[in-house]
Amino acid sequence: MNGDLCLLSAVDLRDLIARKQASPVEIVKAVLARAEALQPKLNCFITLCADEALVEAREAERKVMAGDPIGLLHGIPVTVKDIVNTKGVKTTFGAVPYKDNVPEEDAVAVARLRAHGAILIGKTTTPEFGSKCLTDSPLFGRTRNAWSAERSSGGSSGGAAVAVAGGIAPLAIATDGGGSTRIPAACNGVVGLKQSNGVIPHSQVQDAFGNQTYVTPTTRTVADTVLMMRAMAGEDACDPWSIGLPAPDFIGTAAQLGDLRGQRIMYCLSPPGRPVSADVANAFKSSLDQLAGLGAELEEFSGEGFDIEPIWRAINHTVWRTRFSKLAADHKDELSEAFLKQLALATKVSGVDYQEAMFARTALFRRVQSLLTRGHLLAMPTLTRTALPIDQDLFGTIEIDGRSFDSVRPHWFPWTMLFNMTGHPAISLPCGFGRDGLPIGLQLVGRFRDDAELLRVSALFEASHDLLSRRPG
């Protein structure tokens, strides 16, 4: 039974705990045992909090047995990416200079999960400051894909996705600044949502007004993402975009499955000139057929004008340069070559370049808005191919169906950074497998702040196939 507990969804665990058929202590012990067994293979944790988790689990068990009121996530294990603050628990940002950093308070999203009874079992791996699409760092080495030791976990929330895919804990807090939740979700066959701007308050971001980074849920099922959203959403004084934003009834909306009749889905395989592997193209076509089978009307849109690499570079690299140039000067020997190389790219961006990119960002938002007045949702592949090799160089070439391309970011995930810039909700859902046996992801994008409806459609799509029955070996 114990091994099985690790493979259950949070929704099922919640039910077992409420009916006193499984104890939080039993669940946490099973999850910690699995984490310790798989850590040497997967390397998805920087810190495990076994002692603290067991103390909390015993208290959670006591409350259940005493008939005390219990929270939405009472006794359910959760992991937190090591870039998100956890009170009294080391938060390293995946960087050697921060290896002993211990925050004095929880990030808002973490505090909310804890308030609902979730139990933190560990901090998951991230490249330095979540700065790339691969999860490795001089601090801990490399995180391997849950399905293949030869492949990368994706990034930057690689540890979060691998812990969930590997059956270590059903819920993970990740982050997404350009695809960092959705890329590893697609690589490891799990659900990764980047919600709309403001839906989950971000208490650590330094530029709250120009923000493009999100604290996000990662889970194995859409229903578990819905549970996390219910716990984490709602306004907080720290985040201007969250203020006055009522938290929708995620659970109620997702439960009304219905169908997709009367819904128009706009789709595009890739922006012009961006390659897509045959496996991904086939899985995408099947996904569109499934959506049509649920009643949706499909309409193709042009990917012209959606190559946002130049805007992304100007904005993101300026942020990094401002945040990290002093750190890089003081700790050059402790930081990775890839991180330092990325910082060096930012030195040429002027104030005018930055402001022009912000103007272009607004135009981009309006372009997506116009598509979403014609259609209810957008659909595209999350990635152009399955997970990259474990030793992939961020600045190396990327291979797609035997052809080589010169830059990883625009050729592997042309569709993720876009929605960090515009703030629309975007989710990666498992939608098939490549001939290499590795997962493929479908990205669906909803109307601005209509996250509840995006999750309803995602739950419908998930229910229309049986991919959840396949697990990593």
Protein backbone atom coordinates (compact mmCIF):
# COMPACT_ATOMS: atom_id res chain seq x y z
CA MET A 1 0.00 0.00 0.00
CA ASN A 2 2.80 2.45 0.91
CA GLY A 3 4.36 2.51 -2.57
CA ASP A 4 0.89 3.03 -3.99
CA LEU A 5 0.33 6.08 -1.77
CA CYS A 6 3.10 7.86 -3.68
CA LEU A 7 1.29 7.37 -6.98
CA LEU A 8 -2.08 8.71 -5.83
CA SER A 9 -3.26 12.19 -6.74
CA ALA A 10 -3.67 14.87 -4.08
CA VAL A 11 -7.44 14.67 -4.70
CA ASP A 12 -7.40 10.95 -3.81
CA LEU A 13 -5.07 11.42 -0.82
CA ARG A 14 -7.33 14.18 0.48
CA ASP A 15 -10.29 11.82 0.34
CA LEU A 16 -8.39 8.99 2.11
CA ILE A 17 -7.19 11.34 4.87
CA ALA A 18 -10.67 12.78 5.43
CA ARG A 19 -12.12 9.24 5.68
CA LYS A 20 -9.26 8.18 8.02
CA GLN A 21 -8.22 5.49 5.55
CA ALA A 22 -4.68 6.83 5.22
CA SER A 23 -2.70 8.77 7.78
CA PRO A 24 -0.63 11.86 6.92
CA VAL A 25 2.27 10.14 8.77
CA GLU A 26 2.02 7.04 6.57
CA ILE A 27 1.82 9.22 3.41
CA VAL A 28 4.76 11.45 4.35
CA LYS A 29 6.91 8.44 5.33
CA ALA A 30 6.16 6.76 1.98
CA VAL A 31 6.98 9.92 0.04
CA LEU A 32 10.24 10.54 1.95
CA ALA A 33 11.32 6.91 1.41
CA ARG A 34 10.68 7.27 -2.32
CA ALA A 35 12.52 10.61 -2.42
CA GLU A 36 15.57 9.05 -0.76
CA ALA A 37 15.48 6.02 -3.08
CA LEU A 38 15.16 8.09 -6.27
CA GLN A 39 17.39 11.05 -5.39
CA PRO A 40 20.65 9.29 -6.47
CA LYS A 41 19.05 8.49 -9.86
CA LEU A 42 17.08 11.68 -10.55
CA ASN A 43 18.90 14.33 -8.46
CA CYS A 44 15.79 16.50 -8.16
CA PHE A 45 16.27 17.83 -4.59
CA ILE A 46 18.70 20.32 -3.11
CA THR A 47 17.28 19.89 0.41
CA LEU A 48 15.02 17.25 1.98
CA CYS A 49 13.15 18.27 5.16
CA ALA A 50 12.46 14.80 6.55
CA ASP A 51 12.47 15.62 10.28
CA GLU A 52 10.32 18.74 9.99
CA ALA A 53 7.90 16.99 7.59
CA LEU A 54 7.38 14.09 10.03
CA VAL A 55 6.71 16.47 12.94
CA GLU A 56 4.09 18.23 10.81
CA ALA A 57 2.61 14.92 9.66
CA ARG A 58 2.15 13.75 13.27
CA GLU A 59 0.38 17.00 14.12
CA ALA A 60 -1.78 16.63 10.99
CA GLU A 61 -2.69 13.08 12.04
CA ARG A 62 -3.58 14.27 15.55
CA LYS A 63 -5.98 16.87 14.12
CA VAL A 64 -7.72 14.30 11.91
CA MET A 65 -8.14 11.86 14.80
CA ALA A 66 -9.42 14.62 17.11
CA GLY A 67 -12.00 15.67 14.52
CA ASP A 68 -10.54 19.19 14.27
CA PRO A 69 -11.36 21.27 11.19
CA ILE A 70 -8.82 20.53 8.45
CA GLY A 71 -7.64 22.53 5.42
CA LEU A 72 -8.00 21.83 1.71
CA LEU A 73 -4.54 20.18 1.52
CA HIS A 74 -4.33 18.78 5.03
CA GLY A 75 -1.48 16.25 5.36
CA ILE A 76 -0.60 16.31 1.64
CA PRO A 77 3.13 16.43 0.71
CA VAL A 78 4.38 19.31 -1.42
CA THR A 79 7.80 20.26 -2.82
CA VAL A 80 8.94 23.85 -3.41
CA LYS A 81 11.44 24.97 -6.06
CA ASP A 82 14.58 26.27 -4.39
CA ILE A 83 14.08 29.76 -5.77
CA VAL A 84 10.87 30.30 -3.73
CA ASN A 85 11.32 31.42 -0.13
CA THR A 86 10.54 28.96 2.66
CA LYS A 87 10.72 30.21 6.23
CA GLY A 88 13.49 28.50 8.20
CA VAL A 89 14.35 26.17 5.29
CA LYS A 90 17.40 26.75 3.10
CA THR A 91 16.63 28.52 -0.19
CA THR A 92 19.72 28.54 -2.41
CA PHE A 93 18.40 29.85 -5.78
CA GLY A 94 20.48 26.95 -7.16
CA ALA A 95 23.60 29.11 -6.72
CA VAL A 96 26.77 28.42 -4.71
CA PRO A 97 26.93 31.97 -3.21
CA TYR A 98 23.49 31.35 -1.63
CA LYS A 99 24.14 27.77 -0.46
CA ASP A 100 23.49 28.70 3.21
CA ASN A 101 20.71 31.26 2.69
CA VAL A 102 17.73 30.76 5.07
CA PRO A 103 14.72 33.07 4.53
CA GLU A 104 12.87 34.59 7.47
CA GLU A 105 9.48 34.23 5.84
CA ASP A 106 7.55 32.13 3.36
CA ALA A 107 6.65 33.42 -0.09
CA VAL A 108 2.90 34.15 -0.21
CA ALA A 109 2.17 31.03 -2.31
CA VAL A 110 4.05 28.79 0.16
CA ALA A 111 2.36 30.38 3.19
CA ARG A 112 -1.03 29.72 1.60
CA LEU A 113 -0.35 26.04 0.92
CA ARG A 114 0.90 25.61 4.48
CA ALA A 115 -2.17 27.42 5.84
CA HIS A 116 -4.28 24.81 4.00
CA GLY A 117 -2.33 22.01 5.70
CA ALA A 118 0.19 21.01 3.00
CA ILE A 119 3.47 19.55 4.31
CA LEU A 120 6.79 20.67 2.80
CA ILE A 121 9.03 17.66 2.17
CA GLY A 122 11.86 19.34 0.28
CA LYS A 123 13.29 22.01 -2.02
CA THR A 124 13.68 21.05 -5.68
CA THR A 125 16.53 21.81 -8.06
CA THR A 126 16.85 24.88 -10.25
CA PRO A 127 19.68 26.27 -12.40
CA GLU A 128 21.16 29.45 -10.90
CA PHE A 129 18.26 31.89 -10.28
CA GLY A 130 16.06 29.91 -12.70
CA SER A 131 18.06 31.39 -15.58
CA LYS A 132 17.83 28.66 -18.23
CA CYS A 133 15.80 25.84 -19.80
CA LEU A 134 18.06 23.07 -18.42
CA THR A 135 18.38 22.11 -14.75
CA ASP A 136 22.02 21.97 -13.71
CA SER A 137 24.31 24.10 -11.56
CA PRO A 138 27.74 23.94 -9.88
CA LEU A 139 25.79 23.60 -6.60
CA PHE A 140 24.18 20.18 -7.23
CA GLY A 141 25.10 18.86 -10.70
CA ARG A 142 22.37 17.82 -13.18
CA THR A 143 18.75 16.78 -12.75
CA ARG A 144 17.79 13.86 -14.99
CA ASN A 145 14.53 13.37 -16.86
CA ALA A 146 12.02 11.15 -15.03
CA TRP A 147 11.67 8.96 -18.14
CA SER A 148 15.30 8.67 -19.26
CA ALA A 149 18.66 9.16 -17.56
CA GLU A 150 20.07 10.16 -20.97
CA ARG A 151 17.83 13.22 -21.22
CA SER A 152 17.51 16.61 -19.55
CA SER A 153 14.65 17.39 -17.21
CA GLY A 154 14.12 20.70 -19.00
CA GLY A 155 14.14 23.84 -16.87
CA SER A 156 14.25 25.89 -14.99
CA SER A 157 11.74 24.04 -12.75
CA GLY A 158 13.30 20.69 -13.66
CA GLY A 159 13.39 19.37 -10.10
CA ALA A 160 9.72 20.26 -9.53
CA ALA A 161 8.51 18.40 -12.64
CA VAL A 162 10.76 15.39 -12.04
CA ALA A 163 9.65 15.03 -8.39
CA VAL A 164 6.00 15.04 -9.49
CA ALA A 165 6.54 12.72 -12.49
CA GLY A 166 8.63 10.36 -10.34
CA GLY A 167 5.78 9.91 -7.84
CA ILE A 168 7.65 11.64 -5.03
CA ALA A 169 4.95 14.16 -4.06
CA PRO A 170 1.77 14.99 -5.96
CA LEU A 171 2.10 18.77 -5.65
CA ALA A 172 5.01 21.09 -6.50
CA ILE A 173 5.50 24.83 -6.41
CA ALA A 174 7.53 25.88 -9.45
CA THR A 175 8.24 29.22 -11.15
CA ASP A 176 7.90 30.39 -14.75
CA GLY A 177 9.72 33.39 -16.20
CA GLY A 178 9.76 32.29 -19.85
CA GLY A 179 8.49 28.72 -19.85
CA SER A 180 10.25 27.43 -16.71
CA THR A 181 7.14 25.51 -15.55
CA ARG A 182 5.77 24.45 -18.94
CA ILE A 183 9.08 23.27 -20.50
CA PRO A 184 9.89 20.67 -17.78
CA ALA A 185 6.19 19.73 -17.57
CA ALA A 186 6.27 18.84 -21.28
CA CYS A 187 9.63 17.03 -20.92
CA ASN A 188 8.41 14.89 -18.00
CA GLY A 189 4.76 14.31 -18.93
CA VAL A 190 3.07 16.35 -16.19
CA VAL A 191 0.72 19.34 -15.96
CA GLY A 192 2.37 22.76 -15.76
CA LEU A 193 0.30 25.96 -15.55
CA LYS A 194 1.54 29.51 -15.85
CA GLN A 195 -1.49 31.39 -14.57
CA SER A 196 -2.58 34.90 -15.56
CA ASN A 197 -0.65 37.82 -14.17
CA GLY A 198 -1.86 38.62 -10.62
CA VAL A 199 -3.87 35.45 -10.01
CA ILE A 200 -1.26 34.11 -7.56
CA PRO A 201 0.52 37.02 -5.85
CA HIS A 202 4.30 37.16 -6.33
CA SER A 203 5.94 38.42 -3.15
CA GLN A 204 9.59 38.13 -4.25
CA VAL A 205 9.66 39.87 -7.63
CA GLN A 206 11.60 43.14 -7.62
CA ASP A 207 9.78 44.84 -10.53
CA ALA A 208 6.17 44.07 -9.65
CA PHE A 209 4.84 46.46 -12.30
CA GLY A 210 6.81 45.09 -15.28
CA ASN A 211 6.68 41.54 -13.93
CA GLN A 212 6.86 38.53 -16.28
CA THR A 213 7.71 35.83 -13.70
CA TYR A 214 5.18 33.64 -11.93
CA VAL A 215 5.05 31.31 -8.92
CA THR A 216 3.18 28.31 -10.30
CA PRO A 217 1.67 24.86 -9.65
CA THR A 218 3.03 21.62 -11.14
CA THR A 219 1.07 18.37 -10.67
CA ARG A 220 0.32 15.03 -12.36
CA THR A 221 -3.37 15.80 -12.99
CA VAL A 222 -5.43 18.86 -13.85
CA ALA A 223 -7.63 18.26 -10.78
CA ASP A 224 -4.55 18.59 -8.54
CA THR A 225 -3.57 21.85 -10.27
CA VAL A 226 -7.11 23.06 -9.58
CA LEU A 227 -6.66 22.25 -5.86
CA MET A 228 -3.38 24.20 -5.74
CA MET A 229 -4.95 27.17 -7.53
CA ARG A 230 -7.81 27.20 -5.06
CA ALA A 231 -5.27 27.38 -2.21
CA MET A 232 -2.81 29.88 -3.75
CA ALA A 233 -4.99 32.39 -5.65
CA GLY A 234 -6.40 35.63 -4.26
CA GLU A 235 -5.16 39.15 -3.72
CA ASP A 236 -2.28 40.19 -1.51
CA ALA A 237 -0.99 43.68 -0.73
CA CYS A 238 2.51 42.81 -2.05
CA ASP A 239 1.41 42.39 -5.69
CA PRO A 240 -0.34 45.30 -7.47
CA TRP A 241 -1.73 43.03 -10.20
CA SER A 242 -3.48 40.83 -7.63
CA ILE A 243 -5.34 43.64 -5.86
CA GLY A 244 -9.09 43.67 -6.39
CA LEU A 245 -8.93 40.36 -8.26
CA PRO A 246 -11.48 37.91 -6.83
CA ALA A 247 -10.28 34.30 -6.69
CA PRO A 248 -12.59 32.31 -8.99
CA ASP A 249 -14.23 29.03 -7.98
CA PHE A 250 -11.60 26.84 -9.66
CA ILE A 251 -12.96 23.61 -8.18
CA GLY A 252 -16.60 24.26 -9.16
CA THR A 253 -15.73 25.39 -12.69
CA ALA A 254 -13.39 22.48 -13.46
CA ALA A 255 -15.96 20.00 -12.15
CA GLN A 256 -18.58 21.15 -14.73
CA LEU A 257 -16.86 19.26 -17.49
CA GLY A 258 -19.53 19.54 -20.21
CA ASP A 259 -17.98 19.75 -23.69
CA LEU A 260 -16.47 22.30 -26.06
CA ARG A 261 -19.48 23.00 -28.27
CA GLY A 262 -19.65 26.66 -29.18
CA GLN A 263 -15.93 27.12 -28.45
CA ARG A 264 -13.48 28.15 -31.14
CA ILE A 265 -9.85 27.12 -30.72
CA MET A 266 -7.25 29.02 -32.75
CA TYR A 267 -4.19 26.87 -33.47
CA CYS A 268 -0.71 27.20 -34.97
CA LEU A 269 2.03 24.57 -35.21
CA SER A 270 4.97 27.01 -35.17
CA PRO A 271 6.07 30.53 -36.03
CA PRO A 272 7.44 30.77 -39.61
CA GLY A 273 10.91 29.27 -39.96
CA ARG A 274 10.80 27.40 -36.63
CA PRO A 275 11.16 23.63 -37.11
CA VAL A 276 8.97 21.03 -35.38
CA SER A 277 9.77 17.31 -35.11
CA ALA A 278 7.48 14.85 -36.91
CA ASP A 279 6.54 13.27 -33.54
CA VAL A 280 5.45 16.61 -32.10
CA ALA A 281 3.54 17.54 -35.27
CA ASN A 282 1.69 14.18 -35.13
CA ALA A 283 0.86 14.49 -31.43
CA PHE A 284 -0.36 18.05 -32.03
CA LYS A 285 -2.62 16.92 -34.89
CA SER A 286 -4.08 14.16 -32.68
CA SER A 287 -4.66 16.69 -29.89
CA LEU A 288 -6.55 18.98 -32.26
CA ASP A 289 -8.65 15.98 -33.38
CA GLN A 290 -9.47 15.28 -29.72
CA LEU A 291 -10.48 18.90 -29.13
CA ALA A 292 -12.66 18.79 -32.26
CA GLY A 293 -14.17 15.52 -30.99
CA LEU A 294 -15.18 17.37 -27.82
CA GLY A 295 -17.12 19.83 -29.98
CA ALA A 296 -14.61 22.63 -30.54
CA GLU A 297 -14.44 24.49 -33.83
CA LEU A 298 -10.81 24.82 -35.02
CA GLU A 299 -9.30 27.72 -36.91
CA GLU A 300 -5.64 28.09 -37.86
CA PHE A 301 -3.87 31.37 -37.14
CA SER A 302 -0.63 32.68 -38.62
CA GLY A 303 2.49 32.55 -36.45
CA GLU A 304 3.80 35.62 -38.33
CA GLY A 305 5.01 38.31 -35.92
CA PHE A 306 5.24 36.01 -32.89
CA ASP A 307 9.01 35.60 -32.89
CA ILE A 308 9.62 37.46 -29.66
CA GLU A 309 13.28 36.55 -29.11
CA PRO A 310 14.49 40.18 -29.63
CA ILE A 311 11.91 41.64 -27.18
CA TRP A 312 12.67 38.88 -24.69
CA ARG A 313 16.41 39.49 -24.82
CA ALA A 314 16.09 43.25 -24.34
CA ILE A 315 13.74 42.98 -21.35
CA ASN A 316 14.93 39.84 -19.63
CA HIS A 317 18.65 40.40 -20.01
CA THR A 318 18.30 43.96 -18.68
CA VAL A 319 16.57 42.58 -15.59
CA TRP A 320 19.32 39.98 -15.10
CA ARG A 321 22.09 42.51 -15.62
CA THR A 322 20.54 44.80 -13.01
CA ARG A 323 19.98 41.97 -10.53
CA PHE A 324 23.18 40.00 -10.93
CA SER A 325 26.10 42.08 -12.24
CA LYS A 326 27.46 42.76 -8.74
CA LEU A 327 27.01 39.09 -7.72
CA ALA A 328 28.82 38.01 -10.89
CA ALA A 329 31.71 40.40 -10.20
CA ASP A 330 32.05 39.25 -6.57
CA HIS A 331 31.55 35.48 -7.10
CA LYS A 332 32.78 34.85 -10.65
CA ASP A 333 34.53 31.59 -9.70
CA GLU A 334 31.43 30.09 -8.05
CA LEU A 335 28.97 30.69 -10.90
CA SER A 336 28.55 28.63 -14.07
CA GLU A 337 29.99 29.65 -17.39
CA ALA A 338 26.50 29.59 -18.95
CA PHE A 339 25.13 32.00 -16.32
CA LEU A 340 28.03 34.43 -16.79
CA LYS A 341 27.69 34.18 -20.58
CA GLN A 342 23.99 35.08 -20.37
CA LEU A 343 24.79 38.12 -18.22
CA ALA A 344 27.39 39.23 -20.74
CA LEU A 345 24.70 39.27 -23.47
CA ALA A 346 22.87 42.01 -21.55
CA THR A 347 25.61 44.61 -21.56
CA LYS A 348 24.69 45.99 -24.98
CA VAL A 349 21.02 46.83 -24.22
CA SER A 350 20.42 50.59 -23.89
CA GLY A 351 17.59 52.31 -22.00
CA VAL A 352 15.98 53.14 -25.36
CA ASP A 353 16.24 49.48 -26.48
CA TYR A 354 14.55 48.43 -23.26
CA GLN A 355 11.70 50.92 -23.64
CA GLU A 356 11.17 49.96 -27.28
CA ALA A 357 10.88 46.33 -26.17
CA MET A 358 8.26 47.36 -23.59
CA PHE A 359 6.29 49.12 -26.35
CA ALA A 360 6.57 45.96 -28.46
CA ARG A 361 5.37 43.93 -25.46
CA THR A 362 2.17 46.01 -25.32
CA ALA A 363 1.63 45.52 -29.07
CA LEU A 364 2.12 41.77 -28.54
CA PHE A 365 -0.51 41.74 -25.77
CA ARG A 366 -2.98 43.47 -28.11
CA ARG A 367 -2.22 41.00 -30.90
CA VAL A 368 -2.98 38.05 -28.59
CA GLN A 369 -6.11 39.85 -27.35
CA SER A 370 -7.37 40.20 -30.93
CA LEU A 371 -6.86 36.46 -31.53
CA LEU A 372 -8.77 35.72 -28.32
CA THR A 373 -11.73 37.83 -29.39
CA ARG A 374 -11.99 35.62 -32.50
CA GLY A 375 -11.42 32.42 -30.52
CA HIS A 376 -11.85 31.26 -26.91
CA LEU A 377 -8.45 29.55 -26.65
CA LEU A 378 -5.15 29.18 -28.49
CA ALA A 379 -3.40 25.84 -29.05
CA MET A 380 0.20 25.06 -30.03
CA PRO A 381 2.89 22.52 -29.11
CA THR A 382 4.69 23.38 -25.85
CA LEU A 383 8.06 22.35 -27.34
CA THR A 384 9.30 21.59 -30.85
CA ARG A 385 10.85 18.23 -29.83
CA THR A 386 11.10 15.90 -26.80
CA ALA A 387 13.62 16.41 -23.96
CA LEU A 388 17.16 17.41 -24.98
CA PRO A 389 20.24 15.27 -24.21
CA ILE A 390 21.41 15.36 -20.58
CA ASP A 391 24.68 17.08 -21.56
CA GLN A 392 23.02 19.71 -23.81
CA ASP A 393 24.97 22.98 -23.91
CA LEU A 394 22.70 26.04 -23.60
CA PHE A 395 24.85 27.81 -26.19
CA GLY A 396 25.26 24.75 -28.41
CA THR A 397 23.20 23.61 -31.38
CA ILE A 398 19.84 21.83 -31.03
CA GLU A 399 19.04 18.77 -33.12
CA ILE A 400 15.50 18.24 -34.46
CA ASP A 401 14.85 15.14 -36.61
CA GLY A 402 18.52 14.94 -37.58
CA ARG A 403 18.84 18.62 -38.54
CA SER A 404 20.96 21.04 -36.51
CA PHE A 405 19.84 24.54 -35.48
CA ASP A 406 22.01 27.23 -33.99
CA SER A 407 20.13 28.43 -30.92
CA VAL A 408 18.28 26.42 -28.28
CA ARG A 409 15.76 28.95 -27.01
CA PRO A 410 13.89 30.11 -30.15
CA HIS A 411 14.12 26.65 -31.77
CA TRP A 412 12.98 24.57 -28.79
CA PHE A 413 10.32 26.70 -27.10
CA PRO A 414 9.18 29.45 -29.47
CA TRP A 415 5.72 29.50 -27.85
CA THR A 416 6.33 29.80 -24.11
CA MET A 417 8.06 33.16 -23.47
CA LEU A 418 5.31 34.94 -25.37
CA PHE A 419 2.71 34.48 -22.64
CA ASN A 420 5.04 35.53 -19.82
CA MET A 421 5.24 38.83 -21.68
CA THR A 422 1.46 39.16 -22.26
CA GLY A 423 0.25 37.72 -18.95
CA HIS A 424 -2.31 35.30 -20.46
CA PRO A 425 -2.78 31.92 -18.74
CA ALA A 426 -0.94 29.07 -20.51
CA ILE A 427 -0.84 25.39 -19.58
CA SER A 428 1.24 22.44 -20.80
CA LEU A 429 -0.66 19.15 -20.82
CA PRO A 430 0.66 15.66 -21.66
CA CYS A 431 -0.61 14.82 -25.15
CA GLY A 432 1.44 11.86 -26.37
CA PHE A 433 4.86 10.24 -26.65
CA GLY A 434 7.64 10.39 -29.22
CA ARG A 435 9.20 7.37 -30.87
CA ASP A 436 11.94 7.77 -28.25
CA GLY A 437 9.34 6.95 -25.54
CA LEU A 438 9.49 10.46 -24.10
CA PRO A 439 6.49 12.70 -23.34
CA ILE A 440 5.16 15.45 -25.61
CA GLY A 441 3.20 18.47 -24.38
CA LEU A 442 0.28 20.49 -25.76
CA GLN A 443 0.07 24.15 -24.75
CA LEU A 444 -3.37 25.73 -24.38
CA VAL A 445 -3.73 29.47 -23.76
CA GLY A 446 -6.83 31.05 -22.26
CA ARG A 447 -8.34 34.50 -22.23
CA PHE A 448 -6.72 36.98 -19.84
CA ARG A 449 -7.59 36.01 -16.25
CA ASP A 450 -10.01 33.31 -17.40
CA ASP A 451 -7.81 30.68 -15.74
CA ALA A 452 -10.80 28.72 -14.41
CA GLU A 453 -12.16 28.13 -17.92
CA LEU A 454 -8.69 27.14 -19.19
CA LEU A 455 -8.54 24.54 -16.41
CA ARG A 456 -12.04 23.24 -17.27
CA VAL A 457 -11.00 22.71 -20.91
CA SER A 458 -7.72 21.12 -19.73
CA ALA A 459 -9.63 18.68 -17.51
CA LEU A 460 -11.86 17.76 -20.47
CA PHE A 461 -8.84 17.21 -22.71
CA GLU A 462 -7.13 15.08 -20.04
CA ALA A 463 -10.28 12.94 -19.65
CA SER A 464 -10.41 12.33 -23.42
CA HIS A 465 -7.24 10.16 -23.42
CA ASP A 466 -5.64 7.61 -21.09
CA LEU A 467 -2.07 8.95 -20.98
CA LEU A 468 -2.17 9.10 -17.17
CA SER A 469 -1.95 5.31 -17.08
CA ARG A 470 1.62 5.48 -18.46
CA ARG A 471 4.30 6.18 -15.85
CA PRO A 472 8.08 6.47 -15.95
CA GLY A 473 9.76 3.10 -15.34
